[in-house]
Amino acid sequence: VNTTSDAFAEVASGSAKVAALIGEIAAASNEQAQGIEQVNVAVTEMDKVTQSNAAGAEESASASEEMNAQAEEMKGMVNELVVMVGGSRNGQRADHLEPVHGPKVEPMAPASGSGKAVHKMVAHHSKEVNPKQIIPFDDEDFQEF
């Protein structure tokens, strides 16, 4: 009877150890599950950021292409203006034309009595300016219109 009692005591002790080990395994499994869930959340967030960055890069590329097209268009317009202002004749600039200066304008002295400086502009006409000197267009320049 003593032997049986000792055997049951050993089995009970072994069962308690197994139960403790099973409890530790369960706790470790729960911790691993929580860790995996956190990794999953982090990967999901990284995916969202990656998609957002890709969309931003796509928008930037599109805007860049649009700006490039507008810059080319503006470059063409500027070239046309340079031709117009520079007085181009048959594709050559008219560099031989002298710049025309308008009438010289000087401010007047302050008006007496008011205490405030009144700037009157007085034009001194040195010579009459011919419009063709300022804007040297030929009839050929307007063929496009």
N, C-alpha and C. Protein backbone atom coordinates (compact mmCIF):
# COMPACT_ATOMS: atom_id res chain seq x y z
N VAL A 1 0.84 -1.17 0.00
CA VAL A 1 0.00 0.00 0.00
C VAL A 1 0.89 1.24 0.00
N ASN A 2 1.98 1.17 0.71
CA ASN A 2 2.91 2.30 0.72
C ASN A 2 3.50 2.54 -0.67
N THR A 3 3.77 1.51 -1.36
CA THR A 3 4.37 1.63 -2.68
C THR A 3 3.37 2.29 -3.63
N THR A 4 2.14 1.92 -3.53
CA THR A 4 1.12 2.50 -4.40
C THR A 4 0.96 3.97 -4.07
N SER A 5 0.97 4.28 -2.80
CA SER A 5 0.82 5.66 -2.37
C SER A 5 1.99 6.49 -2.87
N ASP A 6 3.19 5.96 -2.81
CA ASP A 6 4.37 6.68 -3.31
C ASP A 6 4.27 6.86 -4.84
N ALA A 7 3.78 5.87 -5.52
CA ALA A 7 3.65 5.94 -6.98
C ALA A 7 2.64 7.01 -7.36
N PHE A 8 1.51 7.07 -6.60
CA PHE A 8 0.51 8.09 -6.88
C PHE A 8 1.06 9.48 -6.58
N ALA A 9 1.87 9.62 -5.57
CA ALA A 9 2.47 10.90 -5.23
C ALA A 9 3.40 11.35 -6.35
N GLU A 10 4.15 10.42 -6.93
CA GLU A 10 5.06 10.74 -8.03
C GLU A 10 4.27 11.16 -9.27
N VAL A 11 3.21 10.46 -9.54
CA VAL A 11 2.37 10.78 -10.70
C VAL A 11 1.75 12.16 -10.50
N ALA A 12 1.27 12.46 -9.29
CA ALA A 12 0.66 13.76 -9.00
C ALA A 12 1.69 14.86 -9.17
N SER A 13 2.90 14.64 -8.69
CA SER A 13 3.98 15.61 -8.82
C SER A 13 4.32 15.82 -10.29
N GLY A 14 4.41 14.77 -11.06
CA GLY A 14 4.70 14.86 -12.49
C GLY A 14 3.60 15.58 -13.24
N SER A 15 2.34 15.31 -12.84
CA SER A 15 1.19 15.98 -13.49
C SER A 15 1.23 17.47 -13.21
N ALA A 16 1.60 17.85 -11.98
CA ALA A 16 1.69 19.26 -11.62
C ALA A 16 2.77 19.95 -12.46
N LYS A 17 3.91 19.27 -12.65
CA LYS A 17 4.99 19.84 -13.47
C LYS A 17 4.53 20.00 -14.93
N VAL A 18 3.83 19.00 -15.45
CA VAL A 18 3.32 19.06 -16.83
C VAL A 18 2.33 20.21 -16.96
N ALA A 19 1.45 20.37 -15.96
CA ALA A 19 0.46 21.45 -15.99
C ALA A 19 1.16 22.80 -15.98
N ALA A 20 2.21 22.94 -15.16
CA ALA A 20 2.97 24.21 -15.11
C ALA A 20 3.63 24.48 -16.46
N LEU A 21 4.22 23.44 -17.07
CA LEU A 21 4.86 23.62 -18.38
C LEU A 21 3.84 23.99 -19.45
N ILE A 22 2.67 23.37 -19.39
CA ILE A 22 1.61 23.69 -20.36
C ILE A 22 1.17 25.14 -20.19
N GLY A 23 1.06 25.60 -18.94
CA GLY A 23 0.70 27.00 -18.67
C GLY A 23 1.75 27.97 -19.23
N GLU A 24 3.03 27.63 -19.06
CA GLU A 24 4.10 28.48 -19.59
C GLU A 24 4.07 28.51 -21.11
N ILE A 25 3.81 27.36 -21.73
CA ILE A 25 3.72 27.29 -23.19
C ILE A 25 2.55 28.13 -23.68
N ALA A 26 1.42 28.07 -22.98
CA ALA A 26 0.25 28.86 -23.37
C ALA A 26 0.54 30.35 -23.27
N ALA A 27 1.21 30.77 -22.18
CA ALA A 27 1.55 32.19 -22.00
C ALA A 27 2.51 32.65 -23.11
N ALA A 28 3.51 31.83 -23.42
CA ALA A 28 4.46 32.18 -24.48
C ALA A 28 3.76 32.26 -25.83
N SER A 29 2.81 31.35 -26.07
CA SER A 29 2.06 31.37 -27.33
C SER A 29 1.24 32.65 -27.45
N ASN A 30 0.61 33.09 -26.34
CA ASN A 30 -0.15 34.35 -26.35
C ASN A 30 0.76 35.54 -26.65
N GLU A 31 1.94 35.56 -26.04
CA GLU A 31 2.89 36.65 -26.28
C GLU A 31 3.32 36.67 -27.75
N GLN A 32 3.56 35.49 -28.30
CA GLN A 32 3.95 35.41 -29.71
C GLN A 32 2.81 35.89 -30.62
N ALA A 33 1.59 35.54 -30.27
CA ALA A 33 0.43 35.97 -31.07
C ALA A 33 0.31 37.49 -31.05
N GLN A 34 0.52 38.10 -29.86
CA GLN A 34 0.47 39.56 -29.76
C GLN A 34 1.60 40.20 -30.57
N GLY A 35 2.78 39.61 -30.51
CA GLY A 35 3.92 40.12 -31.28
C GLY A 35 3.66 40.05 -32.77
N ILE A 36 3.09 38.93 -33.21
CA ILE A 36 2.76 38.76 -34.63
C ILE A 36 1.71 39.78 -35.06
N GLU A 37 0.74 40.05 -34.19
CA GLU A 37 -0.30 41.05 -34.50
C GLU A 37 0.33 42.44 -34.65
N GLN A 38 1.27 42.78 -33.77
CA GLN A 38 1.94 44.08 -33.87
C GLN A 38 2.76 44.18 -35.16
N VAL A 39 3.44 43.10 -35.52
CA VAL A 39 4.19 43.09 -36.78
C VAL A 39 3.24 43.25 -37.96
N ASN A 40 2.09 42.60 -37.90
CA ASN A 40 1.09 42.70 -38.96
C ASN A 40 0.60 44.15 -39.11
N VAL A 41 0.33 44.81 -37.97
CA VAL A 41 -0.11 46.22 -38.00
C VAL A 41 0.98 47.09 -38.62
N ALA A 42 2.24 46.86 -38.22
CA ALA A 42 3.35 47.65 -38.75
C ALA A 42 3.50 47.45 -40.25
N VAL A 43 3.39 46.21 -40.72
CA VAL A 43 3.51 45.94 -42.16
C VAL A 43 2.36 46.60 -42.92
N THR A 44 1.16 46.58 -42.35
CA THR A 44 0.01 47.23 -42.99
C THR A 44 0.25 48.73 -43.12
N GLU A 45 0.77 49.34 -42.06
CA GLU A 45 1.07 50.78 -42.09
C GLU A 45 2.16 51.08 -43.13
N MET A 46 3.17 50.24 -43.19
CA MET A 46 4.24 50.43 -44.18
C MET A 46 3.68 50.32 -45.59
N ASP A 47 2.74 49.42 -45.80
CA ASP A 47 2.11 49.27 -47.11
C ASP A 47 1.34 50.54 -47.49
N LYS A 48 0.60 51.10 -46.51
CA LYS A 48 -0.15 52.33 -46.77
C LYS A 48 0.80 53.47 -47.13
N VAL A 49 1.91 53.60 -46.38
CA VAL A 49 2.88 54.66 -46.66
C VAL A 49 3.51 54.47 -48.03
N THR A 50 3.82 53.22 -48.37
CA THR A 50 4.41 52.93 -49.68
C THR A 50 3.45 53.30 -50.80
N GLN A 51 2.17 52.95 -50.64
CA GLN A 51 1.18 53.30 -51.66
C GLN A 51 1.02 54.81 -51.76
N SER A 52 1.03 55.49 -50.62
CA SER A 52 0.92 56.94 -50.62
C SER A 52 2.12 57.57 -51.32
N ASN A 53 3.31 57.06 -51.04
CA ASN A 53 4.52 57.58 -51.70
C ASN A 53 4.47 57.34 -53.20
N ALA A 54 3.99 56.18 -53.60
CA ALA A 54 3.89 55.87 -55.03
C ALA A 54 2.91 56.83 -55.71
N ALA A 55 1.79 57.10 -55.05
CA ALA A 55 0.81 58.03 -55.62
C ALA A 55 1.41 59.43 -55.71
N GLY A 56 2.13 59.84 -54.67
CA GLY A 56 2.78 61.15 -54.69
C GLY A 56 3.82 61.25 -55.79
N ALA A 57 4.58 60.19 -55.98
CA ALA A 57 5.60 60.19 -57.04
C ALA A 57 4.94 60.27 -58.41
N GLU A 58 3.81 59.58 -58.56
CA GLU A 58 3.08 59.62 -59.83
C GLU A 58 2.57 61.03 -60.11
N GLU A 59 2.00 61.66 -59.08
CA GLU A 59 1.51 63.03 -59.22
C GLU A 59 2.65 63.98 -59.53
N SER A 60 3.78 63.80 -58.86
CA SER A 60 4.94 64.66 -59.11
C SER A 60 5.44 64.49 -60.54
N ALA A 61 5.48 63.26 -61.02
CA ALA A 61 5.93 63.02 -62.39
C ALA A 61 4.98 63.67 -63.39
N SER A 62 3.69 63.55 -63.13
CA SER A 62 2.70 64.16 -64.01
C SER A 62 2.83 65.68 -64.00
N ALA A 63 2.98 66.25 -62.80
CA ALA A 63 3.14 67.70 -62.69
C ALA A 63 4.42 68.15 -63.38
N SER A 64 5.46 67.37 -63.26
CA SER A 64 6.74 67.70 -63.90
C SER A 64 6.60 67.71 -65.41
N GLU A 65 5.92 66.71 -65.95
CA GLU A 65 5.70 66.67 -67.40
C GLU A 65 4.87 67.86 -67.85
N GLU A 66 3.84 68.20 -67.08
CA GLU A 66 2.99 69.34 -67.42
C GLU A 66 3.80 70.64 -67.37
N MET A 67 4.61 70.80 -66.33
CA MET A 67 5.44 72.00 -66.22
C MET A 67 6.44 72.07 -67.36
N ASN A 68 6.99 70.94 -67.75
CA ASN A 68 7.94 70.92 -68.87
C ASN A 68 7.25 71.37 -70.15
N ALA A 69 6.04 70.87 -70.38
CA ALA A 69 5.28 71.27 -71.57
C ALA A 69 4.98 72.76 -71.53
N GLN A 70 4.58 73.27 -70.36
CA GLN A 70 4.29 74.70 -70.23
C GLN A 70 5.56 75.53 -70.43
N ALA A 71 6.68 75.04 -69.93
CA ALA A 71 7.94 75.76 -70.09
C ALA A 71 8.32 75.83 -71.57
N GLU A 72 8.13 74.73 -72.29
CA GLU A 72 8.42 74.74 -73.72
C GLU A 72 7.50 75.71 -74.45
N GLU A 73 6.23 75.72 -74.07
CA GLU A 73 5.27 76.64 -74.69
C GLU A 73 5.67 78.08 -74.39
N MET A 74 6.05 78.33 -73.13
CA MET A 74 6.45 79.67 -72.74
C MET A 74 7.73 80.08 -73.47
N LYS A 75 8.64 79.14 -73.65
CA LYS A 75 9.88 79.42 -74.37
C LYS A 75 9.57 79.87 -75.79
N GLY A 76 8.62 79.19 -76.42
CA GLY A 76 8.21 79.58 -77.76
C GLY A 76 7.60 80.98 -77.79
N MET A 77 6.77 81.27 -76.79
CA MET A 77 6.16 82.60 -76.71
C MET A 77 7.22 83.68 -76.50
N VAL A 78 8.18 83.39 -75.62
CA VAL A 78 9.25 84.35 -75.37
C VAL A 78 10.06 84.58 -76.64
N ASN A 79 10.34 83.52 -77.37
CA ASN A 79 11.07 83.68 -78.63
C ASN A 79 10.29 84.54 -79.61
N GLU A 80 8.97 84.34 -79.68
CA GLU A 80 8.14 85.18 -80.54
C GLU A 80 8.20 86.62 -80.10
N LEU A 81 8.13 86.86 -78.78
CA LEU A 81 8.21 88.23 -78.27
C LEU A 81 9.56 88.85 -78.56
N VAL A 82 10.62 88.07 -78.42
CA VAL A 82 11.96 88.58 -78.73
C VAL A 82 12.03 89.00 -80.19
N VAL A 83 11.44 88.19 -81.06
CA VAL A 83 11.43 88.53 -82.48
C VAL A 83 10.64 89.81 -82.69
N MET A 84 9.48 89.92 -82.03
CA MET A 84 8.65 91.12 -82.19
C MET A 84 9.36 92.36 -81.66
N VAL A 85 9.88 92.27 -80.47
CA VAL A 85 10.51 93.42 -79.82
C VAL A 85 11.85 93.74 -80.48
N GLY A 86 12.58 92.71 -80.86
CA GLY A 86 13.89 92.92 -81.47
C GLY A 86 13.81 93.39 -82.90
N GLY A 87 12.64 93.43 -83.47
CA GLY A 87 12.48 93.90 -84.83
C GLY A 87 13.08 92.96 -85.85
N SER A 88 12.82 91.72 -85.72
CA SER A 88 13.40 90.73 -86.63
C SER A 88 12.83 90.91 -88.02
N ARG A 89 13.72 90.86 -88.99
CA ARG A 89 13.30 90.92 -90.39
C ARG A 89 13.86 89.69 -91.07
N ASN A 90 12.98 88.88 -91.59
CA ASN A 90 13.40 87.65 -92.28
C ASN A 90 14.27 86.77 -91.39
N GLY A 91 13.93 86.69 -90.12
CA GLY A 91 14.64 85.80 -89.21
C GLY A 91 15.93 86.37 -88.65
N GLN A 92 16.29 87.62 -89.01
CA GLN A 92 17.51 88.22 -88.48
C GLN A 92 17.13 89.38 -87.58
N ARG A 93 17.85 89.50 -86.48
CA ARG A 93 17.57 90.59 -85.54
C ARG A 93 18.02 91.91 -86.13
N ALA A 94 17.32 92.95 -85.80
CA ALA A 94 17.69 94.28 -86.26
C ALA A 94 18.52 94.96 -85.18
N ASP A 95 19.74 94.52 -85.02
CA ASP A 95 20.62 95.07 -83.99
C ASP A 95 21.13 96.46 -84.37
N HIS A 96 20.96 96.83 -85.62
CA HIS A 96 21.48 98.12 -86.06
C HIS A 96 20.60 99.28 -85.59
N LEU A 97 19.40 99.01 -85.12
CA LEU A 97 18.51 100.07 -84.65
C LEU A 97 18.98 100.59 -83.31
N GLU A 98 18.95 101.89 -83.16
CA GLU A 98 19.33 102.52 -81.91
C GLU A 98 18.15 102.47 -80.95
N PRO A 99 18.40 102.29 -79.65
CA PRO A 99 17.29 102.35 -78.70
C PRO A 99 16.74 103.76 -78.64
N VAL A 100 15.44 103.85 -78.55
CA VAL A 100 14.78 105.14 -78.51
C VAL A 100 14.42 105.45 -77.08
N HIS A 101 14.83 106.62 -76.62
CA HIS A 101 14.52 107.03 -75.26
C HIS A 101 13.36 108.00 -75.31
N GLY A 102 12.42 107.82 -74.44
CA GLY A 102 11.27 108.70 -74.38
C GLY A 102 11.65 110.05 -73.81
N PRO A 103 10.68 110.93 -73.63
CA PRO A 103 10.98 112.25 -73.10
C PRO A 103 11.52 112.16 -71.68
N LYS A 104 12.43 113.05 -71.35
CA LYS A 104 13.03 113.08 -70.02
C LYS A 104 12.02 113.67 -69.05
N VAL A 105 11.83 113.02 -67.90
CA VAL A 105 10.84 113.45 -66.92
C VAL A 105 11.55 113.72 -65.60
N GLU A 106 11.30 114.91 -65.02
CA GLU A 106 11.92 115.26 -63.74
C GLU A 106 10.84 115.66 -62.75
N PRO A 107 11.01 115.33 -61.44
CA PRO A 107 10.04 115.76 -60.44
C PRO A 107 10.21 117.25 -60.13
N MET A 108 9.11 117.91 -59.79
CA MET A 108 9.13 119.34 -59.44
C MET A 108 9.38 119.49 -57.95
N ALA A 109 9.68 120.69 -57.52
CA ALA A 109 9.90 121.01 -56.11
C ALA A 109 8.57 120.91 -55.37
N PRO A 110 8.61 120.79 -54.00
CA PRO A 110 7.37 120.70 -53.23
C PRO A 110 6.50 121.93 -53.41
N ALA A 111 5.20 121.72 -53.42
CA ALA A 111 4.26 122.83 -53.54
C ALA A 111 4.27 123.64 -52.26
N SER A 112 4.19 124.94 -52.41
CA SER A 112 4.24 125.79 -51.22
C SER A 112 2.90 125.81 -50.52
N GLY A 113 2.96 125.80 -49.18
CA GLY A 113 1.75 125.92 -48.38
C GLY A 113 1.13 124.61 -47.97
N SER A 114 1.27 123.56 -48.71
CA SER A 114 0.59 122.31 -48.36
C SER A 114 1.39 121.48 -47.38
N GLY A 115 2.69 121.64 -47.34
CA GLY A 115 3.52 120.85 -46.44
C GLY A 115 3.84 119.48 -46.99
N LYS A 116 3.20 119.10 -48.05
CA LYS A 116 3.46 117.80 -48.67
C LYS A 116 4.17 118.03 -50.00
N ALA A 117 5.04 117.12 -50.31
CA ALA A 117 5.74 117.22 -51.58
C ALA A 117 4.82 116.72 -52.68
N VAL A 118 4.60 117.57 -53.64
CA VAL A 118 3.78 117.20 -54.78
C VAL A 118 4.73 117.00 -55.95
N HIS A 119 4.69 115.82 -56.49
CA HIS A 119 5.58 115.51 -57.61
C HIS A 119 4.82 115.71 -58.90
N LYS A 120 5.18 116.76 -59.59
CA LYS A 120 4.63 117.01 -60.91
C LYS A 120 5.63 116.51 -61.91
N MET A 121 5.17 115.87 -62.88
CA MET A 121 6.08 115.36 -63.89
C MET A 121 6.06 116.32 -65.08
N VAL A 122 7.24 116.79 -65.44
CA VAL A 122 7.36 117.69 -66.57
C VAL A 122 8.14 116.96 -67.64
N ALA A 123 7.60 116.93 -68.80
CA ALA A 123 8.25 116.24 -69.90
C ALA A 123 9.05 117.24 -70.72
N HIS A 124 10.29 116.92 -70.93
CA HIS A 124 11.15 117.73 -71.78
C HIS A 124 11.30 116.99 -73.10
N HIS A 125 10.69 117.53 -74.12
CA HIS A 125 10.75 116.87 -75.43
C HIS A 125 12.04 117.29 -76.12
N SER A 126 12.95 116.35 -76.28
CA SER A 126 14.20 116.66 -76.95
C SER A 126 14.03 116.54 -78.46
N LYS A 127 13.32 115.54 -78.90
CA LYS A 127 13.03 115.38 -80.33
C LYS A 127 11.79 114.50 -80.46
N GLU A 128 11.14 114.64 -81.55
CA GLU A 128 9.94 113.84 -81.79
C GLU A 128 10.36 112.42 -82.17
N VAL A 129 9.64 111.45 -81.63
CA VAL A 129 9.97 110.05 -81.86
C VAL A 129 9.02 109.47 -82.90
N ASN A 130 9.59 108.83 -83.87
CA ASN A 130 8.81 108.17 -84.91
C ASN A 130 8.41 106.79 -84.41
N PRO A 131 7.13 106.41 -84.47
CA PRO A 131 6.72 105.09 -83.96
C PRO A 131 7.46 103.94 -84.63
N LYS A 132 7.86 104.09 -85.87
CA LYS A 132 8.58 103.00 -86.54
C LYS A 132 9.96 102.77 -85.92
N GLN A 133 10.49 103.80 -85.24
CA GLN A 133 11.77 103.61 -84.56
C GLN A 133 11.58 102.77 -83.30
N ILE A 134 10.44 102.92 -82.67
CA ILE A 134 10.18 102.17 -81.44
C ILE A 134 9.74 100.75 -81.75
N ILE A 135 8.82 100.60 -82.69
CA ILE A 135 8.29 99.28 -83.05
C ILE A 135 8.55 99.08 -84.53
N PRO A 136 9.67 98.50 -84.88
CA PRO A 136 10.03 98.35 -86.30
C PRO A 136 9.39 97.12 -86.95
N PHE A 137 8.09 97.19 -87.20
CA PHE A 137 7.40 96.07 -87.84
C PHE A 137 7.33 96.28 -89.35
N ASP A 138 7.46 95.23 -90.08
CA ASP A 138 7.20 95.23 -91.52
C ASP A 138 5.85 94.56 -91.72
N ASP A 139 5.31 94.73 -92.91
CA ASP A 139 4.06 94.04 -93.21
C ASP A 139 4.24 92.54 -93.17
N GLU A 140 5.46 92.08 -93.42
CA GLU A 140 5.75 90.65 -93.40
C GLU A 140 5.59 90.05 -92.00
N ASP A 141 5.79 90.90 -90.98
CA ASP A 141 5.69 90.40 -89.61
C ASP A 141 4.27 89.98 -89.24
N PHE A 142 3.28 90.49 -89.98
CA PHE A 142 1.89 90.19 -89.62
C PHE A 142 1.24 89.20 -90.58
N GLN A 143 2.02 88.51 -91.39
CA GLN A 143 1.45 87.55 -92.33
C GLN A 143 0.75 86.41 -91.61
N GLU A 144 1.23 86.05 -90.42
CA GLU A 144 0.61 84.95 -89.67
C GLU A 144 -0.79 85.32 -89.18
N PHE A 145 -1.03 86.62 -89.00
CA PHE A 145 -2.30 87.05 -88.45
C PHE A 145 -3.25 87.30 -89.57
